[in-house]
Amino acid sequence: MHSNVLHLFLSCPSGVEPWLEEEVRVLLPKAHIEALRGGVAVKGDAEAVMRLNLESRLAQRVLVELVQGPYRHEDDLYALARQVDWTKWLTADHTLRVDTTAQRSPLRSLNFATLRIKDAICDQLRETCGARPSVDTRAPDLPVVLHLGPEFAALYVDTSGEPLFKRGWREDKGDAPLKETLAAAMLAAAGWKGDTALVDPCCGSGTIAIEAAQIACGMAAGLQRRFAFERQLPFQPLRADWARMKQEAKAREHAPAVPIFSSDVAFRMVDFARRNAERAGVAQYIQFNGGDALERPAPTLPEGMRGTLMLNPPYGERIEVRGKAAAVRAASGSEQRDADDDFFPRLAAHWKHAYTEQPWTAWLLCPDMKLPSKMRLKESRRIPMWNGPIECRMFRFDLVRGSAR
């Protein structure tokens, strides 16, 4: 298994594929890598599986493709699953779960398709071992994924278990927490590698600042959590390699070269962010403050250091705007008006006043395609990105004196 070539698929949200491909090339410089829709295909070995789970900040899961083939009926899926030697992956003492995803599949019932895959695995183990594995829907040892296209089906083993955005440090959440993988994608899209000061003035439960601090410290994303592969048979001979890989990741951690600032109008959220940062091992590297994004002054940076503002502000579909913009709206009796109408022009005015002494770049994730005209700023880039089901753009604004249009 160690040297066997595995066909891997790392899934990611739509739009993140180019940065995931870049990340994987850094982690596995010799591997054959190809960006596809919704993820990246990689040829690698068992060690590559372990490294990708441990280190990737952008992937949602690391899947191993076992078999693929044409199908028209549920019985074809049963036959397809019987082509796999499941005894290489699990014993009757292991637990199992099958999940099915489909795109334009002709089958009427995905539940029945799922059941046929489970039957094939259990039947094979009963015949070879005299007993069958049991199903665990919550935390199975072997999560199996069936993907159905219009004509072809593919079977994968999920080596991650819980999705990779669950880093193991988030316990305190706000109203609409940003996924850790999306925060990492924002940082990757901005080209932020721990080389400029970072400010998140709408930090919520701290995700952007915590991801940034871990990147700046050279920390591995998955060092604080467990993975499904740790219980899967092909990886058992590699336990010593896995322990060494984690030790090496821990040993390379270092203090960041730049300051990171995180604030929120809700003091409760600042408290959540601080506790999350403590669990993530980076609290000492982030300066937390309460305070309205429309009023917080720019931090003083060392001579010659550039600054990056990175924010995923509250927007209508997620949560209500609070603080000064909300107070202004209430005073004018314009509750019905879009909260963004007050918040974003005021934010731009504040930036023009407070963030032009030194070179600052602002990156803002928002579903409003007309945001730059609302802010009366000209964006220098707009990058499509999805926040769950919400289609957004990540806008870049270069803040220089007189940057008002």
Protein backbone atom coordinates (compact mmCIF):
# COMPACT_ATOMS: atom_id res chain seq x y z
CA MET A 1 0.00 0.00 0.00
CA HIS A 2 2.83 2.37 0.88
CA SER A 3 4.07 2.50 -2.70
CA ASN A 4 0.77 1.70 -4.43
CA VAL A 5 -0.51 4.58 -6.52
CA LEU A 6 -3.88 5.78 -5.26
CA HIS A 7 -6.24 7.97 -7.26
CA LEU A 8 -7.24 10.73 -4.87
CA PHE A 9 -9.86 13.43 -5.15
CA LEU A 10 -9.78 16.47 -2.85
CA SER A 11 -13.14 18.21 -2.86
CA CYS A 12 -13.52 21.97 -2.38
CA PRO A 13 -16.16 24.66 -2.87
CA SER A 14 -16.70 25.96 -6.38
CA GLY A 15 -14.13 28.63 -7.29
CA VAL A 16 -11.46 27.42 -4.85
CA GLU A 17 -9.97 24.84 -7.27
CA PRO A 18 -7.00 26.95 -8.51
CA TRP A 19 -5.82 27.72 -4.98
CA LEU A 20 -6.30 24.13 -3.85
CA GLU A 21 -4.23 22.97 -6.84
CA GLU A 22 -1.49 25.45 -5.88
CA GLU A 23 -1.60 24.29 -2.25
CA VAL A 24 -1.33 20.60 -3.22
CA ARG A 25 1.65 21.35 -5.52
CA VAL A 26 3.48 22.82 -2.53
CA LEU A 27 2.59 19.86 -0.28
CA LEU A 28 3.33 17.16 -2.90
CA PRO A 29 5.84 18.66 -5.38
CA LYS A 30 6.35 15.38 -7.26
CA ALA A 31 2.71 14.26 -7.53
CA HIS A 32 0.58 14.27 -10.67
CA ILE A 33 -2.12 16.89 -9.99
CA GLU A 34 -5.11 18.07 -12.05
CA ALA A 35 -7.74 20.68 -11.15
CA LEU A 36 -11.28 19.52 -11.95
CA ARG A 37 -14.69 20.97 -11.23
CA GLY A 38 -15.30 20.92 -7.48
CA GLY A 39 -11.84 19.73 -6.52
CA VAL A 40 -8.41 18.44 -7.46
CA ALA A 41 -7.38 14.95 -8.64
CA VAL A 42 -4.03 13.69 -7.31
CA LYS A 43 -2.06 10.52 -7.88
CA GLY A 44 -0.34 9.67 -4.61
CA ASP A 45 0.37 6.97 -2.04
CA ALA A 46 -0.86 6.36 1.50
CA GLU A 47 1.66 8.83 2.85
CA ALA A 48 0.25 11.50 0.53
CA VAL A 49 -3.22 10.80 1.97
CA MET A 50 -1.92 11.42 5.49
CA ARG A 51 -0.04 14.59 4.50
CA LEU A 52 -3.01 16.09 2.63
CA ASN A 53 -5.36 15.47 5.56
CA LEU A 54 -2.89 16.97 8.00
CA GLU A 55 -1.82 20.01 5.98
CA SER A 56 -4.54 21.10 3.54
CA ARG A 57 -6.38 24.26 4.55
CA LEU A 58 -8.58 24.39 1.46
CA ALA A 59 -9.83 20.83 0.82
CA GLN A 60 -13.11 19.62 2.31
CA ARG A 61 -12.25 15.92 2.14
CA VAL A 62 -9.54 13.57 0.87
CA LEU A 63 -11.23 10.76 -1.05
CA VAL A 64 -9.59 7.60 -2.47
CA GLU A 65 -11.25 6.38 -5.67
CA LEU A 66 -11.70 2.59 -5.59
CA VAL A 67 -13.61 1.79 -8.77
CA GLN A 68 -15.72 3.41 -11.45
CA GLY A 69 -17.88 2.11 -14.27
CA PRO A 70 -21.09 2.47 -16.25
CA TYR A 71 -24.47 1.71 -14.65
CA ARG A 72 -28.14 1.79 -15.58
CA HIS A 73 -29.70 -0.02 -12.66
CA GLU A 74 -29.14 -0.54 -8.92
CA ASP A 75 -27.91 -4.08 -9.63
CA ASP A 76 -25.07 -2.60 -11.71
CA LEU A 77 -24.01 -0.66 -8.61
CA TYR A 78 -24.02 -3.86 -6.53
CA ALA A 79 -21.80 -5.55 -9.15
CA LEU A 80 -19.50 -2.52 -9.26
CA ALA A 81 -19.03 -2.55 -5.48
CA ARG A 82 -18.31 -6.30 -5.56
CA GLN A 83 -15.25 -5.58 -7.76
CA VAL A 84 -13.52 -3.98 -4.78
CA ASP A 85 -11.62 -6.12 -2.27
CA TRP A 86 -13.19 -4.60 0.87
CA THR A 87 -11.16 -6.85 3.18
CA LYS A 88 -8.18 -4.57 2.43
CA TRP A 89 -10.10 -1.67 3.99
CA LEU A 90 -12.07 -3.05 6.91
CA THR A 91 -12.90 -6.08 9.06
CA ALA A 92 -16.26 -7.20 10.42
CA ASP A 93 -15.37 -5.33 13.64
CA HIS A 94 -15.21 -1.99 11.80
CA THR A 95 -18.18 0.29 11.22
CA LEU A 96 -19.37 1.58 7.88
CA ARG A 97 -21.48 4.31 6.32
CA VAL A 98 -22.38 4.90 2.67
CA ASP A 99 -23.28 8.38 1.38
CA THR A 100 -24.53 9.02 -2.15
CA THR A 101 -24.20 12.15 -4.27
CA ALA A 102 -25.81 12.40 -7.71
CA GLN A 103 -25.78 14.61 -10.78
CA ARG A 104 -28.51 13.87 -13.34
CA SER A 105 -28.72 10.22 -12.28
CA PRO A 106 -31.51 8.20 -13.95
CA LEU A 107 -32.17 6.24 -10.73
CA ARG A 108 -35.45 6.89 -8.90
CA SER A 109 -34.22 6.29 -5.35
CA LEU A 110 -30.78 7.30 -4.09
CA ASN A 111 -31.60 5.56 -0.80
CA PHE A 112 -31.95 2.26 -2.64
CA ALA A 113 -28.67 2.87 -4.50
CA THR A 114 -26.96 3.50 -1.14
CA LEU A 115 -28.46 0.29 0.26
CA ARG A 116 -27.15 -1.80 -2.66
CA ILE A 117 -23.59 -0.58 -2.04
CA LYS A 118 -23.88 -1.39 1.67
CA ASP A 119 -25.27 -4.84 0.80
CA ALA A 120 -22.34 -5.55 -1.56
CA ILE A 121 -19.77 -4.68 1.12
CA CYS A 122 -21.55 -6.63 3.86
CA ASP A 123 -22.16 -9.66 1.62
CA GLN A 124 -18.49 -9.80 0.62
CA LEU A 125 -17.30 -9.63 4.24
CA ARG A 126 -19.83 -12.23 5.38
CA GLU A 127 -18.58 -14.61 2.67
CA THR A 128 -14.87 -14.05 3.42
CA CYS A 129 -14.91 -13.45 7.19
CA GLY A 130 -18.14 -15.07 8.32
CA ALA A 131 -19.46 -11.80 9.79
CA ARG A 132 -20.56 -8.42 8.53
CA PRO A 133 -19.61 -4.91 9.67
CA SER A 134 -22.25 -2.77 11.32
CA VAL A 135 -23.42 0.64 10.21
CA ASP A 136 -22.52 3.77 12.19
CA THR A 137 -24.07 6.92 10.72
CA ARG A 138 -22.27 9.29 13.08
CA ALA A 139 -18.56 8.41 13.14
CA PRO A 140 -17.91 5.34 10.95
CA ASP A 141 -14.45 3.81 10.58
CA LEU A 142 -15.01 3.54 6.82
CA PRO A 143 -17.11 6.31 5.26
CA VAL A 144 -17.83 5.24 1.67
CA VAL A 145 -19.01 7.75 -0.95
CA LEU A 146 -20.97 6.72 -4.06
CA HIS A 147 -21.09 9.34 -6.80
CA LEU A 148 -23.64 8.86 -9.57
CA GLY A 149 -23.35 10.72 -12.87
CA PRO A 150 -25.79 10.36 -15.78
CA GLU A 151 -24.09 7.12 -16.98
CA PHE A 152 -21.06 6.43 -14.77
CA ALA A 153 -20.76 5.66 -11.08
CA ALA A 154 -17.66 5.95 -8.87
CA LEU A 155 -16.96 4.62 -5.38
CA TYR A 156 -14.63 6.36 -2.95
CA VAL A 157 -13.35 5.87 0.58
CA ASP A 158 -13.40 9.08 2.61
CA THR A 159 -10.12 9.17 4.56
CA SER A 160 -10.98 12.40 6.39
CA GLY A 161 -14.11 11.44 8.31
CA GLU A 162 -15.42 14.75 9.58
CA PRO A 163 -14.99 17.42 6.87
CA LEU A 164 -11.60 19.11 6.99
CA PHE A 165 -12.97 22.55 7.86
CA LYS A 166 -13.51 21.10 11.34
CA ARG A 167 -10.03 21.86 12.61
CA GLY A 168 -10.72 20.81 16.18
CA TRP A 169 -10.54 24.23 17.84
CA ARG A 170 -13.92 25.83 17.21
CA GLU A 171 -16.36 25.42 20.08
CA ASP A 172 -17.72 28.96 20.32
CA LYS A 173 -19.79 29.95 17.30
CA GLY A 174 -21.68 33.09 16.38
CA ASP A 175 -24.83 33.46 14.29
CA ALA A 176 -23.31 32.67 10.89
CA PRO A 177 -19.79 31.33 11.35
CA LEU A 178 -17.46 31.40 8.38
CA LYS A 179 -16.11 27.96 7.50
CA GLU A 180 -12.39 27.64 8.24
CA THR A 181 -11.76 26.43 4.67
CA LEU A 182 -13.47 29.55 3.26
CA ALA A 183 -11.39 31.84 5.49
CA ALA A 184 -8.29 30.00 4.21
CA ALA A 185 -9.54 30.40 0.61
CA MET A 186 -9.98 34.17 1.13
CA LEU A 187 -6.40 34.39 2.43
CA ALA A 188 -5.13 32.25 -0.47
CA ALA A 189 -7.02 34.34 -3.06
CA ALA A 190 -5.52 37.49 -1.56
CA GLY A 191 -2.06 35.90 -1.77
CA TRP A 192 -1.62 36.41 1.98
CA LYS A 193 1.21 34.25 3.32
CA GLY A 194 1.97 35.89 6.66
CA ASP A 195 3.94 38.73 5.08
CA THR A 196 1.71 41.74 5.84
CA ALA A 197 -0.08 42.87 9.00
CA LEU A 198 -3.69 41.62 9.03
CA VAL A 199 -6.81 43.29 10.41
CA ASP A 200 -10.31 41.76 10.59
CA PRO A 201 -12.66 44.45 11.96
CA CYS A 202 -15.80 42.22 11.75
CA CYS A 203 -14.21 39.11 13.24
CA GLY A 204 -17.25 37.23 14.54
CA SER A 205 -15.92 34.08 16.19
CA GLY A 206 -12.40 34.80 14.88
CA THR A 207 -12.06 32.43 11.93
CA ILE A 208 -10.09 34.67 9.54
CA ALA A 209 -7.64 35.89 12.20
CA ILE A 210 -7.11 32.36 13.58
CA GLU A 211 -6.49 30.83 10.13
CA ALA A 212 -4.14 33.73 9.34
CA ALA A 213 -2.23 33.32 12.62
CA GLN A 214 -1.82 29.57 12.02
CA ILE A 215 -0.54 30.24 8.48
CA ALA A 216 1.88 32.89 9.80
CA CYS A 217 3.11 30.39 12.44
CA GLY A 218 3.59 27.58 9.90
CA MET A 219 1.03 25.40 11.71
CA ALA A 220 -0.56 22.35 10.11
CA ALA A 221 -4.33 22.77 9.76
CA GLY A 222 -5.25 19.31 11.04
CA LEU A 223 -2.83 18.87 13.94
CA GLN A 224 -5.59 19.11 16.57
CA ARG A 225 -8.03 16.56 15.19
CA ARG A 226 -8.45 12.91 14.28
CA PHE A 227 -9.07 11.41 10.83
CA ALA A 228 -10.96 8.36 9.58
CA PHE A 229 -7.82 6.91 7.93
CA GLU A 230 -6.30 6.37 11.41
CA ARG A 231 -8.77 3.47 11.81
CA GLN A 232 -8.61 2.12 8.24
CA LEU A 233 -6.60 -1.03 7.48
CA PRO A 234 -4.24 0.29 4.74
CA PHE A 235 -2.85 2.90 7.12
CA GLN A 236 -2.19 0.64 10.11
CA PRO A 237 1.39 -0.27 9.00
CA LEU A 238 2.15 3.47 8.74
CA ARG A 239 1.40 4.45 12.34
CA ALA A 240 5.03 5.31 13.07
CA ASP A 241 5.23 7.40 9.87
CA TRP A 242 2.05 9.23 10.90
CA ALA A 243 3.42 9.98 14.38
CA ARG A 244 6.66 11.27 12.83
CA MET A 245 4.76 13.43 10.32
CA LYS A 246 2.83 15.09 13.15
CA GLN A 247 6.01 15.60 15.21
CA GLU A 248 7.75 17.25 12.25
CA ALA A 249 4.74 19.54 11.69
CA LYS A 250 4.77 20.52 15.36
CA ALA A 251 8.54 21.14 15.31
CA ARG A 252 8.39 23.64 12.44
CA GLU A 253 5.95 26.01 14.22
CA HIS A 254 7.33 29.49 14.87
CA ALA A 255 6.21 32.93 16.01
CA PRO A 256 4.67 35.03 13.22
CA ALA A 257 6.63 37.84 11.55
CA VAL A 258 3.61 40.19 11.41
CA PRO A 259 0.95 41.43 13.85
CA ILE A 260 -2.69 40.27 13.51
CA PHE A 261 -5.64 42.30 14.79
CA SER A 262 -9.20 41.12 15.33
CA SER A 263 -12.19 43.11 16.53
CA ASP A 264 -15.99 42.99 16.55
CA VAL A 265 -18.82 45.31 17.57
CA ALA A 266 -20.22 42.52 19.79
CA PHE A 267 -18.04 41.94 22.87
CA ARG A 268 -19.57 38.46 23.21
CA MET A 269 -18.09 37.56 19.80
CA VAL A 270 -14.68 38.94 20.76
CA ASP A 271 -14.81 36.66 23.79
CA PHE A 272 -15.73 33.68 21.55
CA ALA A 273 -12.90 34.56 19.15
CA ARG A 274 -10.37 34.78 21.98
CA ARG A 275 -11.40 31.38 23.38
CA ASN A 276 -11.26 29.79 19.92
CA ALA A 277 -7.78 31.31 19.39
CA GLU A 278 -6.61 29.87 22.72
CA ARG A 279 -7.72 26.37 21.66
CA ALA A 280 -6.08 26.92 18.24
CA GLY A 281 -2.79 27.78 19.98
CA VAL A 282 -2.51 31.30 18.53
CA ALA A 283 -4.18 33.59 21.12
CA GLN A 284 -0.85 35.21 22.04
CA TYR A 285 -0.32 36.29 18.40
CA ILE A 286 -3.67 38.04 17.85
CA GLN A 287 -4.65 41.38 19.37
CA PHE A 288 -8.37 41.24 20.19
CA ASN A 289 -10.52 44.33 20.68
CA GLY A 290 -14.17 45.18 20.95
CA GLY A 291 -15.43 48.08 18.88
CA ASP A 292 -17.34 49.16 15.83
CA ALA A 293 -15.66 48.60 12.43
CA LEU A 294 -16.84 52.12 11.50
CA GLU A 295 -14.83 53.69 14.31
CA ARG A 296 -11.74 51.57 15.06
CA PRO A 297 -8.54 53.41 14.13
CA ALA A 298 -5.94 51.68 11.97
CA PRO A 299 -3.25 50.00 14.07
CA THR A 300 0.21 51.52 14.03
CA LEU A 301 2.53 49.27 12.03
CA PRO A 302 6.34 49.06 12.01
CA GLU A 303 8.04 51.31 9.45
CA GLY A 304 7.67 49.94 5.91
CA MET A 305 5.22 47.15 6.82
CA ARG A 306 2.18 46.80 4.57
CA GLY A 307 -1.28 46.07 5.94
CA THR A 308 -4.19 43.91 4.80
CA LEU A 309 -7.82 44.37 5.84
CA MET A 310 -9.71 41.10 5.39
CA LEU A 311 -13.38 40.88 6.24
CA ASN A 312 -16.53 38.91 5.74
CA PRO A 313 -18.94 41.58 7.01
CA PRO A 314 -22.51 40.82 8.10
CA TYR A 315 -24.88 40.80 5.15
CA GLY A 316 -28.62 40.42 4.99
CA GLU A 317 -28.86 36.68 4.39
CA ARG A 318 -26.51 35.95 7.28
CA ILE A 319 -27.02 38.44 10.13
CA GLU A 320 -28.10 41.96 10.86
CA VAL A 321 -25.63 44.85 10.97
CA ARG A 322 -25.10 46.23 14.49
CA GLY A 323 -23.27 49.19 15.97
CA LYS A 324 -23.15 52.66 14.46
CA ALA A 325 -24.81 51.80 11.13
CA ALA A 326 -27.73 50.19 12.98
CA ALA A 327 -28.05 53.16 15.35
CA VAL A 328 -28.11 55.60 12.43
CA ARG A 329 -30.75 53.52 10.70
CA ALA A 330 -32.94 53.33 13.81
CA ALA A 331 -32.64 57.09 14.40
CA SER A 332 -33.76 57.84 10.86
CA GLY A 333 -36.70 55.44 11.19
CA SER A 334 -35.50 53.55 8.12
CA GLU A 335 -35.67 50.02 9.56
CA GLN A 336 -36.95 48.77 6.22
CA ARG A 337 -33.92 49.98 4.31
CA ASP A 338 -31.23 47.50 3.50
CA ALA A 339 -28.73 47.48 6.38
CA ASP A 340 -25.92 47.50 3.84
CA ASP A 341 -27.00 50.93 2.53
CA ASP A 342 -25.71 52.53 5.73
CA PHE A 343 -22.88 50.23 6.68
CA PHE A 344 -20.81 50.00 3.50
CA PRO A 345 -20.62 53.70 2.49
CA ARG A 346 -19.71 54.54 6.10
CA LEU A 347 -17.07 51.79 6.14
CA ALA A 348 -15.49 53.21 2.96
CA ALA A 349 -15.53 56.74 4.41
CA HIS A 350 -13.86 55.45 7.59
CA TRP A 351 -11.17 53.64 5.57
CA LYS A 352 -10.41 56.75 3.50
CA HIS A 353 -9.98 58.68 6.74
CA ALA A 354 -8.15 56.09 8.89
CA TYR A 355 -6.30 53.68 6.55
CA THR A 356 -4.35 55.87 4.12
CA GLU A 357 -1.32 56.83 6.23
CA GLN A 358 0.37 53.56 5.25
CA PRO A 359 -0.26 51.29 2.25
CA TRP A 360 -3.33 49.15 3.07
CA THR A 361 -5.17 46.69 0.87
CA ALA A 362 -8.74 45.74 1.77
CA TRP A 363 -10.41 42.47 0.78
CA LEU A 364 -14.13 42.13 1.35
CA LEU A 365 -16.38 39.10 0.76
CA CYS A 366 -19.96 40.08 -0.11
CA PRO A 367 -22.91 38.83 -2.21
CA ASP A 368 -23.70 42.34 -3.48
CA MET A 369 -22.23 42.68 -6.98
CA LYS A 370 -22.79 46.47 -6.85
CA LEU A 371 -20.81 46.88 -3.64
CA PRO A 372 -17.99 49.05 -5.09
CA SER A 373 -20.45 51.69 -6.35
CA LYS A 374 -22.19 51.70 -2.93
CA MET A 375 -18.82 52.26 -1.28
CA ARG A 376 -17.76 54.80 -3.94
CA LEU A 377 -14.51 52.87 -4.30
CA LYS A 378 -13.05 51.35 -7.44
CA GLU A 379 -12.14 47.70 -6.93
CA SER A 380 -8.85 46.46 -8.40
CA ARG A 381 -10.04 42.82 -8.43
CA ARG A 382 -13.24 40.84 -8.03
CA ILE A 383 -13.01 37.10 -7.44
CA PRO A 384 -16.10 34.83 -7.51
CA MET A 385 -16.47 32.80 -4.29
CA TRP A 386 -19.27 30.88 -2.62
CA ASN A 387 -20.12 31.19 1.07
CA GLY A 388 -22.08 27.94 1.37
CA PRO A 389 -25.11 28.44 -0.92
CA ILE A 390 -24.56 32.21 -1.22
CA GLU A 391 -22.76 33.38 -4.36
CA CYS A 392 -20.34 36.15 -3.39
CA ARG A 393 -17.52 38.24 -4.79
CA MET A 394 -14.28 38.96 -3.05
CA PHE A 395 -13.45 42.60 -3.82
CA ARG A 396 -9.99 44.10 -3.53
CA PHE A 397 -9.65 47.82 -2.78
CA ASP A 398 -6.26 49.55 -2.68
CA LEU A 399 -6.53 52.24 -0.05
CA VAL A 400 -4.42 55.25 -0.94
CA ARG A 401 -4.95 58.92 -0.18
CA GLY A 402 -7.64 60.37 -2.41
CA SER A 403 -8.83 56.91 -3.45
CA ALA A 404 -12.42 58.19 -3.59
CA ARG A 405 -13.69 58.14 -7.15
